Amino acid sequence: MQLIFLTLARDELAEAKRFYNRQQQGLGGSFQREAQTAARLIQERPLAWQIEIDPVRRFIFDRFPYKMLYIIRAERIVVIAVAHQHRQPDYWVDRV
């Protein structure tokens, strides 16, 4: 199954990486690797993670307070947000 990112989700990912790089050199790279792992696991087993708000599913990062929110459409997985878990919890709902 193909996995794609909405432009807004890709922008959120890039912004979080920049934020973590400002905090500590190399930390943004760690964040990006965790996001890549999340994307790979979602692509391998898209139905394995909980529903956030139907039909949106969430993958919660291990090391960082982020979650990857995605929907399954036909033969595609669409990442609609890479969201901080403690800020504006439902800001992404209109993207569905």
Protein backbone atom coordinates (compact mmCIF):
# COMPACT_ATOMS: atom_id res chain seq x y z
CA MET A 1 0.00 0.00 0.00
CA GLN A 2 1.31 3.43 -0.92
CA LEU A 3 1.87 5.96 1.90
CA ILE A 4 1.70 9.68 1.12
CA PHE A 5 1.83 12.84 3.24
CA LEU A 6 -0.46 15.83 2.86
CA THR A 7 1.62 18.96 2.30
CA LEU A 8 0.50 20.29 5.70
CA ALA A 9 1.65 17.09 7.43
CA ARG A 10 5.02 17.25 5.64
CA ASP A 11 5.36 20.88 6.78
CA GLU A 12 4.59 19.88 10.39
CA LEU A 13 7.23 17.18 10.23
CA ALA A 14 9.83 19.64 8.92
CA GLU A 15 8.93 22.25 11.55
CA ALA A 16 9.23 19.73 14.40
CA LYS A 17 12.62 18.63 13.06
CA ARG A 18 13.80 22.26 12.97
CA PHE A 19 12.50 22.82 16.51
CA TYR A 20 14.39 19.82 17.88
CA ASN A 21 17.58 20.78 16.03
CA ARG A 22 17.41 24.19 17.73
CA GLN A 23 17.12 22.45 21.10
CA GLN A 24 20.09 20.13 20.61
CA GLN A 25 22.27 19.34 17.64
CA GLY A 26 21.24 16.03 16.08
CA LEU A 27 17.94 15.78 17.95
CA GLY A 28 16.02 16.75 14.82
CA GLY A 29 17.61 13.82 13.02
CA SER A 30 16.44 11.51 15.80
CA PHE A 31 12.93 12.90 15.41
CA GLN A 32 13.04 12.37 11.65
CA ARG A 33 14.23 8.77 12.07
CA GLU A 34 11.38 8.07 14.48
CA ALA A 35 8.93 9.57 11.99
CA GLN A 36 10.38 7.39 9.22
CA THR A 37 10.01 4.32 11.43
CA ALA A 38 6.41 5.30 12.17
CA ALA A 39 5.66 5.70 8.46
CA ARG A 40 7.23 2.31 7.66
CA LEU A 41 5.30 0.53 10.41
CA ILE A 42 2.04 2.18 9.37
CA GLN A 43 2.65 1.14 5.78
CA GLU A 44 3.39 -2.46 6.84
CA ARG A 45 0.35 -2.77 9.15
CA PRO A 46 -2.09 0.10 8.57
CA LEU A 47 -4.90 -1.39 10.68
CA ALA A 48 -2.70 -2.08 13.71
CA TRP A 49 -3.15 1.28 15.45
CA GLN A 50 -6.09 2.77 17.29
CA ILE A 51 -8.74 4.97 15.79
CA GLU A 52 -8.41 8.57 16.98
CA ILE A 53 -11.64 9.87 15.41
CA ASP A 54 -13.20 7.59 12.81
CA PRO A 55 -11.79 7.09 10.16
CA VAL A 56 -8.49 8.59 11.40
CA ARG A 57 -5.94 6.31 13.03
CA ARG A 58 -2.96 7.35 15.16
CA PHE A 59 0.56 6.14 15.65
CA ILE A 60 2.10 7.53 18.84
CA PHE A 61 5.84 8.16 18.76
CA ASP A 62 7.95 6.53 21.45
CA ARG A 63 10.56 9.17 22.22
CA PHE A 64 8.83 12.40 21.23
CA PRO A 65 5.40 13.79 22.23
CA TYR A 66 4.04 13.46 18.69
CA LYS A 67 1.59 11.30 16.85
CA MET A 68 1.15 10.55 13.17
CA LEU A 69 -2.49 10.68 12.09
CA TYR A 70 -3.56 8.92 8.94
CA ILE A 71 -6.50 7.63 6.96
CA ILE A 72 -6.77 4.67 4.63
CA ARG A 73 -8.29 5.45 1.24
CA ALA A 74 -8.55 2.68 -1.36
CA GLU A 75 -4.95 1.55 -1.92
CA ARG A 76 -3.37 4.53 -0.17
CA ILE A 77 -2.48 5.56 3.33
CA VAL A 78 -2.67 9.34 3.69
CA VAL A 79 -0.84 10.99 6.59
CA ILE A 80 -2.96 14.02 7.41
CA ALA A 81 -0.99 15.37 10.38
CA VAL A 82 2.15 15.00 12.44
CA ALA A 83 0.75 16.49 15.62
CA HIS A 84 2.15 17.38 19.02
CA GLN A 85 0.15 15.42 21.57
CA HIS A 86 -0.31 18.31 24.02
CA ARG A 87 -1.13 21.24 21.75
CA GLN A 88 -4.45 22.02 20.05
CA PRO A 89 -5.60 18.40 20.09
CA ASP A 90 -8.12 18.47 17.21
CA TYR A 91 -6.76 21.20 14.93
CA TRP A 92 -6.36 18.70 12.07
CA VAL A 93 -9.98 17.44 11.99
CA ASP A 94 -10.89 19.61 8.98
CA ARG A 95 -8.26 17.80 6.90
CA VAL A 96 -10.36 14.65 6.78
